[in-house]
Protein backbone atom coordinates (compact mmCIF):
# COMPACT_ATOMS: atom_id res chain seq x y z
CA MET A 1 191.02 8.10 69.45
CA ALA A 2 191.13 6.03 66.40
CA PRO A 3 192.58 7.84 63.60
CA GLU A 4 189.83 8.23 61.54
CA HIS A 5 187.72 9.68 64.42
CA LEU A 6 190.46 12.28 64.57
CA GLU A 7 190.69 12.90 60.82
CA PHE A 8 187.00 13.48 61.13
CA LEU A 9 187.72 16.17 63.95
CA ALA A 10 190.40 17.85 62.08
CA LYS A 11 188.42 18.23 58.81
CA ARG A 12 185.87 19.91 60.25
CA LEU A 13 187.69 22.30 62.88
CA LYS A 14 187.64 25.82 62.15
CA LEU A 15 190.19 28.34 63.39
CA THR A 16 188.96 31.32 64.88
CA PHE A 17 190.70 34.37 66.29
CA TYR A 18 189.14 36.48 69.51
CA ALA A 19 190.70 39.60 70.42
CA GLU A 20 191.27 40.15 74.00
CA ASP A 21 188.38 40.95 76.16
CA GLU A 22 186.02 39.70 73.23
CA LYS A 23 183.29 37.37 74.23
CA ILE A 24 183.21 33.77 72.86
CA THR A 25 179.97 32.69 74.49
CA ASP A 26 177.05 34.24 76.18
CA PRO A 27 174.59 32.59 78.33
CA ASP A 28 172.11 35.31 76.67
CA GLY A 29 173.06 33.65 73.48
CA GLY A 30 170.61 30.64 73.29
CA PRO A 31 171.61 27.23 73.32
CA ALA A 32 175.38 26.49 73.03
CA GLY A 33 176.51 26.05 69.26
CA ARG A 34 180.07 25.26 69.16
CA PHE A 35 182.75 22.98 70.64
CA TYR A 36 185.56 25.19 71.43
CA ILE A 37 189.57 23.85 71.84
CA ILE A 38 191.82 26.55 72.98
CA LYS A 39 195.22 26.49 70.59
CA GLN A 40 196.69 29.60 71.91
CA GLY A 41 195.99 32.24 74.52
CA ARG A 42 193.73 32.12 77.47
CA VAL A 43 190.15 32.37 78.47
CA ARG A 44 188.59 33.84 81.21
CA CYS A 45 185.19 32.35 82.45
CA GLU A 46 182.81 34.41 84.32
CA THR A 47 179.81 34.00 86.34
CA PRO A 48 178.93 37.03 88.25
CA SER A 49 177.55 37.23 91.60
CA GLU A 50 174.52 39.60 92.05
CA ASP A 51 175.28 39.72 95.55
CA GLU A 52 177.71 42.41 96.02
CA GLN A 53 179.08 41.04 99.49
CA ILE A 54 180.20 37.48 97.17
CA SER A 55 183.15 37.77 94.79
CA GLY A 56 182.03 37.02 91.17
CA ASN A 57 183.13 33.64 90.18
CA THR A 58 186.24 33.60 87.60
CA TRP A 59 188.85 31.19 86.31
CA GLU A 60 190.93 30.98 83.43
CA LEU A 61 191.52 28.20 80.70
CA VAL A 62 194.66 27.54 79.01
CA PRO A 63 195.63 26.21 75.33
CA GLY A 64 194.63 22.54 75.13
CA GLU A 65 191.64 22.82 77.16
CA CYS A 66 187.96 22.92 75.56
CA PHE A 67 184.34 24.36 76.64
CA PRO A 68 181.30 24.42 76.88
CA VAL A 69 181.00 20.56 77.13
CA GLY A 70 178.39 20.16 79.90
CA ALA A 71 176.09 22.91 77.37
CA LEU A 72 176.27 21.04 74.54
CA LEU A 73 175.81 17.49 76.01
CA SER A 74 172.51 18.91 77.91
CA ARG A 75 171.59 20.84 74.56
CA ARG A 76 171.18 24.51 76.90
CA ALA A 77 172.93 27.75 76.82
CA VAL A 78 175.79 28.00 78.69
CA ARG A 79 176.03 29.36 82.33
CA THR A 80 179.44 31.26 81.87
CA VAL A 81 180.77 33.94 79.93
CA HIS A 82 183.80 32.68 78.28
CA ARG A 83 185.72 35.83 77.03
CA ALA A 84 189.33 36.22 75.47
CA ALA A 85 191.68 37.11 78.41
CA GLU A 86 194.11 37.93 75.75
CA ASP A 87 194.31 37.71 71.81
CA THR A 88 193.26 34.06 71.50
CA PHE A 89 192.92 31.44 68.63
CA CYS A 90 190.35 28.61 69.17
CA PHE A 91 189.32 25.54 67.22
CA GLU A 92 185.69 25.41 66.65
CA LEU A 93 183.39 22.40 65.91
CA GLY A 94 180.05 22.97 65.09
CA ARG A 95 177.00 21.41 66.99
CA ASP A 96 175.98 18.65 64.53
CA ASP A 97 179.26 17.58 63.73
CA PHE A 98 180.29 17.47 67.93
CA ASN A 99 176.99 15.38 67.97
CA GLN A 100 177.97 13.32 65.33
CA LEU A 101 181.56 12.63 66.65
CA LEU A 102 180.02 11.56 69.99
CA LYS A 103 178.33 8.50 68.13
CA LEU A 104 181.26 7.79 66.05
CA SER A 105 183.86 7.77 68.75
CA GLU A 106 183.55 6.07 72.34
CA GLU A 107 186.98 7.60 73.26
CA PHE A 108 185.52 11.20 72.38
CA SER A 109 182.30 10.31 74.20
CA ASP A 110 183.74 9.36 77.48
CA PHE A 111 185.90 12.19 77.66
CA CYS A 112 183.27 14.62 77.33
CA THR A 113 180.75 12.63 79.32
CA ARG A 114 182.89 11.30 81.98
CA ARG A 115 186.04 13.66 81.73
CA LEU A 116 186.89 13.91 85.07
CA ALA A 117 186.17 10.13 86.23
CA SER A 118 188.24 9.03 83.28
CA LEU A 119 191.14 11.17 84.35
CA LEU A 120 190.67 9.47 88.08
CA ASP A 121 190.81 5.99 86.42
CA GLN A 122 194.23 6.92 85.06
CA LEU A 123 195.29 8.31 88.35
CA HIS A 124 194.09 5.31 90.55
CA ARG A 125 195.73 2.83 88.57
CA GLN A 126 198.92 5.12 88.84
CA VAL A 127 198.40 5.74 92.75
CA GLN A 128 197.80 1.98 93.21
CA ALA A 129 200.84 1.03 91.08
CA ASN A 130 203.03 3.33 93.26
CA ALA A 131 201.48 2.47 96.43
CA ALA A 132 201.75 -1.50 96.01
CA THR A 133 205.48 -1.27 95.40
CA GLY A 134 206.69 -3.68 98.15
CA LEU A 135 203.60 -5.22 98.70
CA GLY A 136 203.28 -7.10 95.42
CA GLY A 137 200.18 -8.51 93.82
CA ASP A 138 196.08 -7.46 93.51
CA SER A 139 193.73 -7.78 96.35
CA SER A 140 191.39 -5.07 95.28
CA LEU A 141 188.28 -4.58 97.66
CA ASN A 142 186.40 -3.38 94.74
CA ILE A 143 185.65 -6.68 92.60
CA THR A 144 182.90 -8.33 93.46
CA LEU A 145 182.68 -11.90 95.84
CA GLY A 146 182.03 -14.09 93.04
CA GLU A 147 185.29 -12.97 91.60
CA ARG A 148 187.27 -13.48 94.73
CA ILE A 149 186.11 -17.27 94.87
CA ARG A 150 189.10 -19.57 94.37
CA ARG A 151 187.52 -22.88 95.53
CA GLU A 152 184.78 -24.96 95.94
CA PRO A 153 183.97 -24.86 99.57
CA VAL A 154 184.33 -27.43 102.02
CA THR A 155 181.19 -28.58 103.67
CA CYS A 156 179.70 -31.06 105.97
CA LEU A 157 176.01 -32.04 106.96
CA GLY A 158 174.55 -31.47 110.58
CA THR A 159 174.67 -34.68 110.97
CA THR A 160 178.50 -35.83 109.91
CA PRO A 161 180.74 -37.01 113.04
CA ILE A 162 182.96 -34.38 114.34
CA ARG A 163 186.09 -36.77 113.13
CA ASP A 164 184.93 -37.17 109.62
CA ALA A 165 184.62 -32.92 109.35
CA LEU A 166 187.97 -32.97 110.50
CA GLN A 167 189.53 -35.38 108.23
CA ALA A 168 188.00 -33.15 105.72
CA MET A 169 189.36 -29.92 106.79
CA THR A 170 193.00 -31.94 107.02
CA ASP A 171 192.68 -33.41 103.55
CA GLU A 172 191.40 -29.95 102.09
CA ASN A 173 194.32 -28.13 103.78
CA VAL A 174 191.74 -25.24 105.62
CA GLY A 175 191.26 -24.05 108.81
CA SER A 176 187.25 -24.10 108.83
CA ILE A 177 184.52 -25.77 107.35
CA ILE A 178 180.50 -25.11 106.51
CA VAL A 179 177.74 -26.95 107.66
CA THR A 180 175.06 -27.21 105.47
CA ASP A 181 171.96 -29.07 104.96
CA GLU A 182 170.93 -31.41 102.19
CA ASP A 183 170.05 -28.42 99.81
CA GLN A 184 173.46 -27.03 100.35
CA ARG A 185 171.99 -23.95 102.39
CA PRO A 186 174.72 -22.71 105.00
CA ILE A 187 173.40 -23.41 108.59
CA GLY A 188 176.58 -23.44 110.61
CA VAL A 189 180.64 -22.86 110.92
CA PHE A 190 183.34 -24.91 112.43
CA THR A 191 187.00 -23.56 112.74
CA LEU A 192 190.01 -24.35 114.45
CA ARG A 193 189.15 -22.27 117.54
CA ASP A 194 185.87 -24.23 117.67
CA LEU A 195 187.59 -27.29 118.08
CA LEU A 196 189.64 -26.06 120.91
CA THR A 197 186.87 -24.05 122.84
CA ARG A 198 183.53 -26.63 122.00
CA VAL A 199 185.05 -29.97 121.42
CA ALA A 200 188.78 -30.50 123.30
CA MET A 201 187.90 -28.35 126.62
CA PRO A 202 184.49 -29.78 127.11
CA GLY A 203 185.89 -33.25 126.42
CA LEU A 204 183.50 -34.11 123.57
CA GLY A 205 183.55 -37.32 121.74
CA MET A 206 184.74 -37.32 118.14
CA ASP A 207 181.44 -38.96 116.82
CA GLU A 208 179.29 -36.33 118.48
CA PRO A 209 177.71 -34.28 115.37
CA MET A 210 178.71 -31.20 113.91
CA GLU A 211 175.41 -29.34 114.35
CA ARG A 212 175.84 -29.60 118.17
CA VAL A 213 179.42 -27.74 117.89
CA MET A 214 179.04 -25.47 115.16
CA THR A 215 178.45 -22.04 115.19
CA PRO A 216 174.80 -21.57 113.97
CA ASP A 217 173.40 -18.98 111.29
CA PRO A 218 176.93 -17.94 109.51
CA PHE A 219 176.61 -14.31 107.85
CA THR A 220 175.58 -14.49 104.31
CA LEU A 221 176.17 -12.24 101.13
CA PRO A 222 175.60 -12.90 97.34
CA PRO A 223 178.57 -13.09 94.99
CA SER A 224 177.56 -9.62 93.61
CA ALA A 225 178.28 -8.12 96.80
CA PHE A 226 181.54 -6.37 96.73
CA ALA A 227 184.45 -7.46 98.69
CA PHE A 228 184.35 -3.93 100.70
CA GLU A 229 181.17 -5.02 102.02
CA ALA A 230 182.45 -8.28 103.11
CA ALA A 231 185.27 -6.42 104.66
CA MET A 232 183.16 -4.22 106.67
CA GLN A 233 181.04 -6.79 108.00
CA MET A 234 183.76 -8.89 109.27
CA ALA A 235 185.22 -5.43 111.22
CA ARG A 236 182.23 -4.58 112.36
CA TYR A 237 181.13 -8.06 113.96
CA LYS A 238 184.71 -9.40 114.33
CA PHE A 239 184.40 -12.86 112.19
CA HIS A 240 186.44 -14.13 109.80
CA HIS A 241 184.57 -15.79 107.27
CA VAL A 242 181.64 -14.32 105.16
CA CYS A 243 179.26 -17.60 103.00
CA VAL A 244 178.93 -16.46 99.56
CA ALA A 245 175.06 -18.09 98.62
CA GLU A 246 173.16 -17.63 95.65
CA ARG A 247 169.66 -17.89 96.09
CA GLY A 248 170.26 -19.67 99.35
CA ARG A 249 172.74 -22.25 98.14
CA LEU A 250 176.43 -22.06 99.49
CA ILE A 251 178.95 -21.44 96.33
CA GLY A 252 181.90 -20.12 98.39
CA VAL A 253 183.43 -19.24 101.60
CA ILE A 254 185.38 -15.78 101.80
CA SER A 255 187.87 -15.46 104.57
CA GLU A 256 189.74 -13.01 106.01
CA ARG A 257 192.92 -13.64 104.47
CA ASP A 258 191.17 -13.85 101.05
CA LEU A 259 190.64 -10.35 101.36
CA PHE A 260 193.65 -9.20 103.00
CA SER A 261 196.22 -11.43 101.80
CA LEU A 262 198.82 -8.48 101.51
CA GLN A 263 198.06 -6.69 104.59
CA ARG A 264 200.61 -6.73 107.46
CA VAL A 265 197.56 -5.61 109.68
CA GLY A 266 193.96 -7.50 109.19
CA LEU A 267 191.41 -5.07 109.59
CA VAL A 268 189.28 -7.78 111.70
CA ASN A 269 192.41 -8.57 113.85
CA LEU A 270 192.70 -4.96 114.60
CA SER A 271 188.95 -4.55 115.23
CA LYS A 272 189.51 -7.51 118.05
CA THR A 273 192.67 -5.92 119.16
CA ILE A 274 190.58 -2.64 119.74
CA SER A 275 187.65 -4.64 121.51
CA ARG A 276 189.75 -6.60 123.97
CA SER A 277 192.10 -3.55 125.04
CA ASN A 278 192.12 -3.08 128.82
CA ASP A 279 193.68 -0.07 129.32
CA ILE A 280 194.01 3.55 127.18
CA GLU A 281 197.78 2.69 126.94
CA SER A 282 197.08 -0.32 124.87
CA LEU A 283 194.58 1.75 122.44
CA ALA A 284 197.12 4.35 121.86
CA ALA A 285 199.74 1.83 120.78
CA LEU A 286 197.69 0.63 117.94
CA GLU A 287 197.71 4.10 116.28
CA HIS A 288 200.92 3.02 113.89
CA ASP A 289 198.98 0.21 112.83
CA ILE A 290 195.87 2.11 111.77
CA HIS A 291 198.26 4.23 109.55
CA GLN A 292 199.96 1.03 108.17
CA LEU A 293 196.61 -0.39 107.46
CA VAL A 294 195.85 2.95 105.42
CA SER A 295 198.75 2.27 103.24
CA GLN A 296 197.78 -1.02 102.63
CA MET A 297 194.15 -0.04 101.21
CA ILE A 298 195.47 2.48 99.08
CA ALA A 299 197.88 -0.17 97.53
CA GLN A 300 194.78 -2.34 97.23
CA GLY A 301 192.60 0.15 95.16
CA VAL A 302 190.24 0.89 97.95
CA GLN A 303 187.86 4.07 96.91
CA VAL A 304 188.17 6.76 99.00
CA ASP A 305 185.01 6.76 100.41
CA GLN A 306 185.69 3.15 101.63
CA MET A 307 188.80 3.74 103.23
CA THR A 308 187.22 6.81 105.34
CA GLN A 309 184.23 4.21 106.07
CA ILE A 310 186.90 2.02 107.41
CA ILE A 311 189.21 4.64 109.48
CA THR A 312 185.89 5.66 110.92
CA LEU A 313 185.04 2.35 111.99
CA LEU A 314 188.34 2.12 113.57
CA ASN A 315 187.76 5.27 115.40
CA ASP A 316 184.16 4.38 116.23
CA HIS A 317 185.59 1.03 118.09
CA ILE A 318 188.43 3.03 119.64
CA THR A 319 185.77 5.69 120.96
CA ARG A 320 183.56 2.97 122.30
CA ARG A 321 186.30 0.97 123.92
CA VAL A 322 187.72 4.55 125.60
CA ILE A 323 183.81 5.02 126.79
CA GLU A 324 183.59 1.46 128.29
CA ILE A 325 186.99 1.93 130.09
CA CYS A 326 186.60 5.31 131.55
CA ARG A 327 183.07 4.68 132.51
CA LYS A 328 184.11 1.97 135.08
CA GLU A 329 186.39 4.77 136.71
CA PHE A 330 182.91 6.75 137.49
CA PRO A 331 179.93 5.89 139.39
CA LYS A 332 177.23 4.79 136.96
CA ALA A 333 174.92 8.07 135.87
CA SER A 334 171.60 8.22 137.28
CA VAL A 335 169.74 9.08 133.71
CA GLN A 336 170.56 7.57 129.94
CA TRP A 337 173.45 9.23 127.87
CA THR A 338 174.56 9.42 124.60
CA TRP A 339 178.12 10.00 123.05
CA ILE A 340 177.55 11.78 119.52
CA ALA A 341 180.01 13.07 116.75
CA PHE A 342 180.11 16.29 114.89
CA GLY A 343 182.10 17.58 111.98
CA SER A 344 183.78 14.89 109.74
CA GLU A 345 183.49 12.34 112.29
CA GLY A 346 179.71 12.76 112.24
CA ARG A 347 179.92 12.50 108.26
CA GLN A 348 182.23 9.37 108.61
CA GLU A 349 184.80 11.23 106.58
CA GLN A 350 188.00 11.14 109.07
CA THR A 351 191.35 10.73 107.50
CA LEU A 352 194.79 10.28 109.62
CA LYS A 353 194.70 13.84 110.64
CA THR A 354 191.39 14.58 112.53
CA ASP A 355 190.64 16.17 115.96
CA GLN A 356 187.62 15.65 118.25
CA ASP A 357 184.20 16.74 117.60
CA ASN A 358 181.86 15.21 119.74
CA GLY A 359 179.26 16.05 122.45
CA ILE A 360 176.33 14.26 124.92
CA LEU A 361 172.67 14.18 124.24
CA PHE A 362 171.18 12.89 127.89
CA GLU A 363 167.36 12.15 128.94
CA THR A 364 165.98 14.25 131.81
CA SER A 365 163.11 13.58 134.48
CA ASP A 366 161.30 15.45 137.29
CA GLU A 367 163.88 14.10 139.60
CA ILE A 368 166.66 15.91 138.52
CA SER A 369 167.43 19.39 136.30
CA PRO A 370 169.72 19.02 133.13
CA ASP A 371 172.15 21.24 135.33
CA ALA A 372 172.54 18.43 137.87
CA VAL A 373 172.85 16.16 135.16
CA ARG A 374 175.47 18.08 133.28
CA GLU A 375 177.57 18.37 136.79
CA GLU A 376 177.20 14.46 137.01
CA LEU A 377 178.60 13.88 133.44
CA LEU A 378 181.07 16.64 132.74
CA PRO A 379 183.83 14.53 134.55
CA LEU A 380 183.61 11.77 132.78
CA ALA A 381 183.20 13.43 129.28
CA ARG A 382 186.68 15.28 130.46
CA ARG A 383 187.99 11.50 131.30
CA ILE A 384 186.97 10.38 127.65
CA ASN A 385 188.06 13.53 125.94
CA GLU A 386 191.45 13.09 127.65
CA ALA A 387 192.03 9.32 126.71
CA LEU A 388 191.27 9.98 123.20
CA ASP A 389 193.93 12.70 123.22
CA GLN A 390 195.90 10.06 124.59
CA CYS A 391 194.73 7.40 121.55
CA GLY A 392 195.70 10.20 118.85
CA TYR A 393 192.57 12.38 118.45
CA PRO A 394 193.93 15.58 119.44
CA LEU A 395 191.57 17.94 121.97
CA CYS A 396 189.35 20.42 119.72
CA LYS A 397 191.22 23.87 119.80
CA GLY A 398 187.51 25.41 119.47
CA ASN A 399 186.36 23.33 122.46
CA ILE A 400 183.77 21.39 120.56
CA MET A 401 183.97 18.59 122.87
CA ALA A 402 181.60 16.56 125.38
CA SER A 403 183.26 18.33 128.42
CA ASN A 404 182.42 21.68 127.40
CA PRO A 405 179.17 22.08 129.06
CA GLU A 406 177.85 23.92 125.90
CA CYS A 407 178.15 20.36 123.93
CA CYS A 408 176.70 18.37 127.18
CA LEU A 409 173.01 19.25 126.42
CA SER A 410 169.61 17.50 127.30
CA ALA A 411 167.34 16.35 123.86
CA ASN A 412 165.11 19.62 124.63
CA GLU A 413 168.24 22.11 124.93
CA TRP A 414 169.93 20.57 121.92
CA ARG A 415 166.34 21.41 120.13
CA GLN A 416 166.40 24.59 121.55
CA ARG A 417 170.31 25.39 120.60
CA PHE A 418 169.62 24.43 117.08
CA ALA A 419 166.00 26.47 116.70
CA GLN A 420 168.16 29.35 117.93
CA TRP A 421 170.45 29.64 115.26
CA ILE A 422 167.88 28.78 112.71
CA ASP A 423 166.00 31.25 113.51
CA HIS A 424 168.59 33.94 113.93
CA GLY A 425 171.48 32.90 111.42
CA THR A 426 174.41 35.38 112.91
CA PRO A 427 177.93 34.49 111.36
CA GLU A 428 178.56 32.60 114.41
CA ASN A 429 175.41 30.49 114.19
CA LEU A 430 176.11 29.58 110.55
CA LEU A 431 179.44 28.36 111.49
CA LYS A 432 178.33 26.34 114.46
CA ALA A 433 175.43 24.87 112.41
CA THR A 434 178.22 23.72 109.82
CA ILE A 435 179.67 21.55 112.41
CA PHE A 436 176.86 20.48 114.44
CA PHE A 437 174.06 19.71 111.98
CA ASP A 438 176.39 16.52 110.72
CA PHE A 439 175.75 14.72 114.16
CA ARG A 440 175.87 10.90 114.19
CA LEU A 441 175.29 8.36 117.15
CA ILE A 442 178.59 6.69 118.24
CA GLU A 443 177.36 5.16 121.50
CA GLY A 444 174.11 4.86 123.47
CA ASP A 445 170.27 5.52 122.34
CA ALA A 446 170.04 5.30 118.31
CA LYS A 447 166.41 6.55 118.98
CA ALA A 448 167.08 9.67 120.95
CA VAL A 449 169.62 10.69 118.00
CA ASP A 450 167.09 9.84 115.30
CA ALA A 451 164.56 11.68 116.88
CA LEU A 452 166.77 14.95 116.86
CA ARG A 453 167.77 14.05 113.11
CA GLU A 454 164.24 13.92 112.38
CA TRP A 455 163.35 17.28 114.08
CA LEU A 456 166.20 19.13 112.39
CA THR A 457 165.20 17.31 108.81
CA GLU A 458 161.57 18.85 109.61
CA ARG A 459 162.36 22.10 110.89
CA VAL A 460 165.40 23.61 108.74
CA PRO A 461 163.28 23.49 105.15
CA ASP A 462 160.67 25.85 106.96
CA ASN A 463 163.29 28.76 106.99
CA PRO A 464 164.36 29.62 103.70
CA ARG A 465 166.06 32.75 105.17
CA PHE A 466 168.53 30.48 107.11
CA LEU A 467 169.25 28.50 103.98
CA HIS A 468 169.93 31.48 101.86
CA GLN A 469 172.11 32.74 104.77
CA MET A 470 173.95 29.61 104.74
CA ALA A 471 174.52 29.57 100.90
CA ALA A 472 175.46 32.85 100.96
CA ASN A 473 178.07 31.92 103.73
CA ALA A 474 179.34 29.03 101.77
CA LEU A 475 180.01 30.81 98.62
CA ARG A 476 182.74 33.27 100.40
CA ASN A 477 184.70 30.28 100.42
CA ARG A 478 185.77 29.99 96.65
CA PRO A 479 188.26 27.34 95.05
CA PRO A 480 191.67 28.51 94.61
CA LEU A 481 191.53 28.62 90.91
CA GLY A 482 193.97 31.72 89.52
CA LEU A 483 193.55 33.95 86.64
CA VAL A 484 197.54 34.13 85.93
CA ARG A 485 198.39 30.78 87.34
CA ASP A 486 196.22 27.60 87.61
CA PHE A 487 195.98 27.99 91.61
CA VAL A 488 195.70 30.52 94.22
CA VAL A 489 198.46 29.60 96.59
CA SER A 490 198.94 31.48 100.16
CA ASP A 491 201.61 34.09 100.13
CA ASN A 492 201.85 34.11 103.99
CA GLY A 493 205.38 33.12 105.74
CA GLU A 494 204.37 30.12 107.30
CA HIS A 495 202.79 28.24 104.76
CA PRO A 496 204.23 30.03 101.13
CA ASN A 497 202.68 28.89 98.02
CA THR A 498 200.35 25.93 99.12
CA ILE A 499 196.89 25.20 99.13
CA ASP A 500 194.52 23.91 101.96
CA LEU A 501 192.76 20.80 100.30
CA LYS A 502 190.24 20.62 103.46
CA LEU A 503 189.39 24.13 103.75
CA HIS A 504 189.10 25.26 99.86
CA GLY A 505 188.82 21.93 98.18
CA LEU A 506 186.55 19.81 99.93
CA THR A 507 184.79 22.43 102.33
CA PRO A 508 182.72 23.84 99.43
CA PHE A 509 181.53 20.35 98.13
CA VAL A 510 180.71 19.74 102.03
CA ASP A 511 178.79 22.75 102.49
CA GLY A 512 176.99 22.62 98.98
CA ALA A 513 175.67 18.86 99.67
CA ARG A 514 174.97 19.96 103.11
CA ILE A 515 172.77 23.03 101.95
CA LEU A 516 170.82 20.87 99.14
CA ALA A 517 170.07 18.02 101.65
CA LEU A 518 168.80 19.99 104.43
CA ALA A 519 166.65 22.25 101.46
CA HIS A 520 165.41 18.84 100.46
CA GLY A 521 164.30 17.06 103.88
CA ILE A 522 167.71 14.35 103.26
CA PRO A 523 168.85 13.13 106.82
CA GLU A 524 172.03 11.87 105.50
CA THR A 525 174.91 13.34 106.88
CA SER A 526 177.85 11.97 104.80
CA THR A 527 178.64 14.30 101.85
CA LEU A 528 178.66 11.57 99.23
CA GLU A 529 175.31 9.94 100.55
CA ARG A 530 173.58 13.41 100.75
CA MET A 531 174.83 13.71 96.76
CA ASN A 532 173.47 10.33 96.03
CA ALA A 533 170.26 10.90 97.76
CA LEU A 534 169.76 14.08 95.71
CA ILE A 535 170.03 11.85 92.85
CA LYS A 536 167.61 9.65 93.68
CA GLY A 537 165.22 12.24 94.81
CA ASN A 538 165.68 13.76 91.62
CA HIS A 539 166.71 16.94 92.77
CA VAL A 540 169.92 16.96 90.60
CA SER A 541 170.91 15.31 87.49
CA GLN A 542 172.95 12.35 87.66
CA SER A 543 175.95 13.27 85.67
CA GLU A 544 175.73 16.69 87.78
CA ALA A 545 175.92 15.17 90.82
CA GLU A 546 178.55 12.23 89.83
CA ALA A 547 181.35 15.08 88.73
CA TRP A 548 181.06 16.24 91.95
CA ILE A 549 181.10 12.76 93.80
CA ASN A 550 184.37 12.28 91.64
CA ALA A 551 185.97 15.90 92.04
CA TYR A 552 185.27 15.23 96.03
CA ALA A 553 186.96 11.96 95.91
CA TYR A 554 189.87 12.92 93.91
CA ILE A 555 190.52 15.96 96.49
CA GLN A 556 189.92 13.40 99.50
CA LEU A 557 192.62 10.72 98.21
CA LEU A 558 194.95 13.72 97.18
CA ARG A 559 194.92 14.46 100.85
CA MET A 560 194.85 11.15 102.15
CA ARG A 561 198.00 10.51 99.87
CA GLN A 562 200.06 13.44 101.11
CA HIS A 563 198.81 12.36 105.00
CA ARG A 564 200.24 8.68 104.51
CA GLU A 565 203.54 10.01 103.12
CA GLN A 566 204.07 12.57 105.90
CA ALA A 567 202.98 9.86 108.44
CA ALA A 568 205.65 7.56 106.68
CA HIS A 569 208.43 10.22 107.52
CA GLY A 570 207.51 10.69 110.67
CA GLU A 571 206.15 14.18 109.84
CA LYS A 572 203.53 15.99 111.48
CA THR A 573 200.22 15.41 109.10
CA SER A 574 199.04 18.66 107.06
CA ASN A 575 196.15 19.77 104.56
CA ARG A 576 198.25 21.85 102.84
CA ILE A 577 199.92 20.99 99.71
CA ASN A 578 202.28 22.81 96.94
CA PRO A 579 200.48 22.43 93.51
CA ASP A 580 203.96 22.91 92.11
CA ASN A 581 204.91 19.37 93.56
CA LEU A 582 202.34 17.73 91.47
CA ASN A 583 202.68 15.81 88.49
CA ASP A 584 200.79 16.76 85.63
CA LEU A 585 198.25 14.45 85.49
CA ASP A 586 197.59 15.35 89.49
CA ARG A 587 197.57 18.86 88.56
CA ARG A 588 195.31 18.73 85.75
CA ILE A 589 192.51 16.56 87.89
CA LEU A 590 193.18 18.95 90.85
CA ARG A 591 192.03 22.07 88.53
CA GLU A 592 189.01 20.35 87.40
CA SER A 593 188.09 19.57 90.30
CA PHE A 594 187.88 23.17 91.80
CA ARG A 595 186.26 23.98 88.73
CA GLN A 596 183.68 21.19 89.66
CA ALA A 597 183.08 22.76 93.05
CA ARG A 598 182.75 26.14 91.48
CA LYS A 599 180.02 24.56 89.16
CA LEU A 600 178.26 23.04 92.47
CA GLN A 601 178.38 26.68 93.98
CA SER A 602 176.93 28.12 90.76
CA ARG A 603 174.05 25.77 91.30
CA ILE A 604 173.83 27.08 95.03
CA ALA A 605 174.06 30.74 94.03
CA LEU A 606 171.15 30.16 91.20
CA ASP A 607 168.83 28.31 93.62
CA TYR A 608 169.41 31.12 96.37
CA GLN A 609 169.65 33.47 93.58
CA LEU A 610 173.08 35.00 95.10
């Protein structure tokens, strides 16, 4: 903050004493009237639950922390009782002065409106700098293609002779040329590989026009598109160049080398290597390259959701190739069948530590029964599961795999199974719903999967009792914020003084987003896509959901950083972390992220009166 704004704040602060157990704020006290900064002591925050089976929502704030920012910004009453946990002194700023300071100081406004986001900005810069050591330079995927363009595109017309086009490529020292029409609209691309396969090998003359040997209809993106979008399209469709066009007119070309100049492992080449692998052993050998790619993405400043999408994309490529290889070992199935993913794979939220959660959805006919189809498909499913295990995706300890007859069902059987869980809502049903309801197509009939998703999206909102049960079940998993210490850590002998980032950090966000999405008929399965859809549908406020998104993204990043470091040292990847080993910035953001998880749970508790 600027000195004059700090002076404005200091002159208007009032120091107030609160005795142990004295209330500082109360939800019944009307709109929040003061901004508090703890000088000395501790403040306990309480959001008691009306459900005796669910523990109340309680945590502590320590000196240097402030409250209740959200209530002041929203001009509403607090949702939390703030109480002195011991004799406590707080600096207080009146609401009018708080609002005036928001207008005067951009830094103060940014701190209040983007507290978690601004901390994450600091951390991302720090993490990127540390991870980039030894890689050098900057090749962020978070900038636009317009910013990434380095030079004017090398082009020729479709009528240009091959000889002239090759001379232009030589003069400009490039390995490709874009073929355009007279209005500079891209109509094709020609590379050195095309020279070999389309000119040299067929024995074409050098005077043939380029339109005869080019690859037509090159992929095009606008300059406003992000480099990450280009990278994903290159990896998905296995090409090496993207044309950048504004209103149809070519303004530049982005190559794989432009996007991944720092990478020892290229995303597109890795995708191609997967698709060309002829046996399971070759696929299994790529595990190290995927780990290396994750390290490079962290160094490039790739956002967490982008990293998980890229990892999921590669995992999908490997799974499809495994299915393709294993299929050749068995007779062709008598019915059409589809491979689907559940859990984190279904949500496209996989990291380096991921086991299998998959199943099969198949069609039936009058000529063959579901049991007969299962008997036919289960040996193939077992072979696929074992091959995926060989490729670094461990077998599911809970047996949620296609080789389990319970996970190899017809479309009608899946609907019956889901309907039973929704109608009965036993603890086991609720647990299965959190895994199976996040299903996604991997290989097969997209229409069959879409039909099942549409059925589920329409069925769940009609059963408020089931949603209430899911909400109550989700609230039993509280983020590990402590009363005496910052965090509640494990005291068992196997993992002492640790927190499970997946179970206690990510799961509250995953469960909360799923419940809200199902309640509002949102078909998305990704946690972040669900939250964004909730914003678009005006089901939650943008500021509220963005804080959840930032918190979720941080915990996922922390988890991936740990996996990366463990893999680099040849250690077994684990979701457990000792908070005492974190630096001050990480501890502060982790604490705030857990608080956001509790705010999401408070929202769920309020919606379902828990």
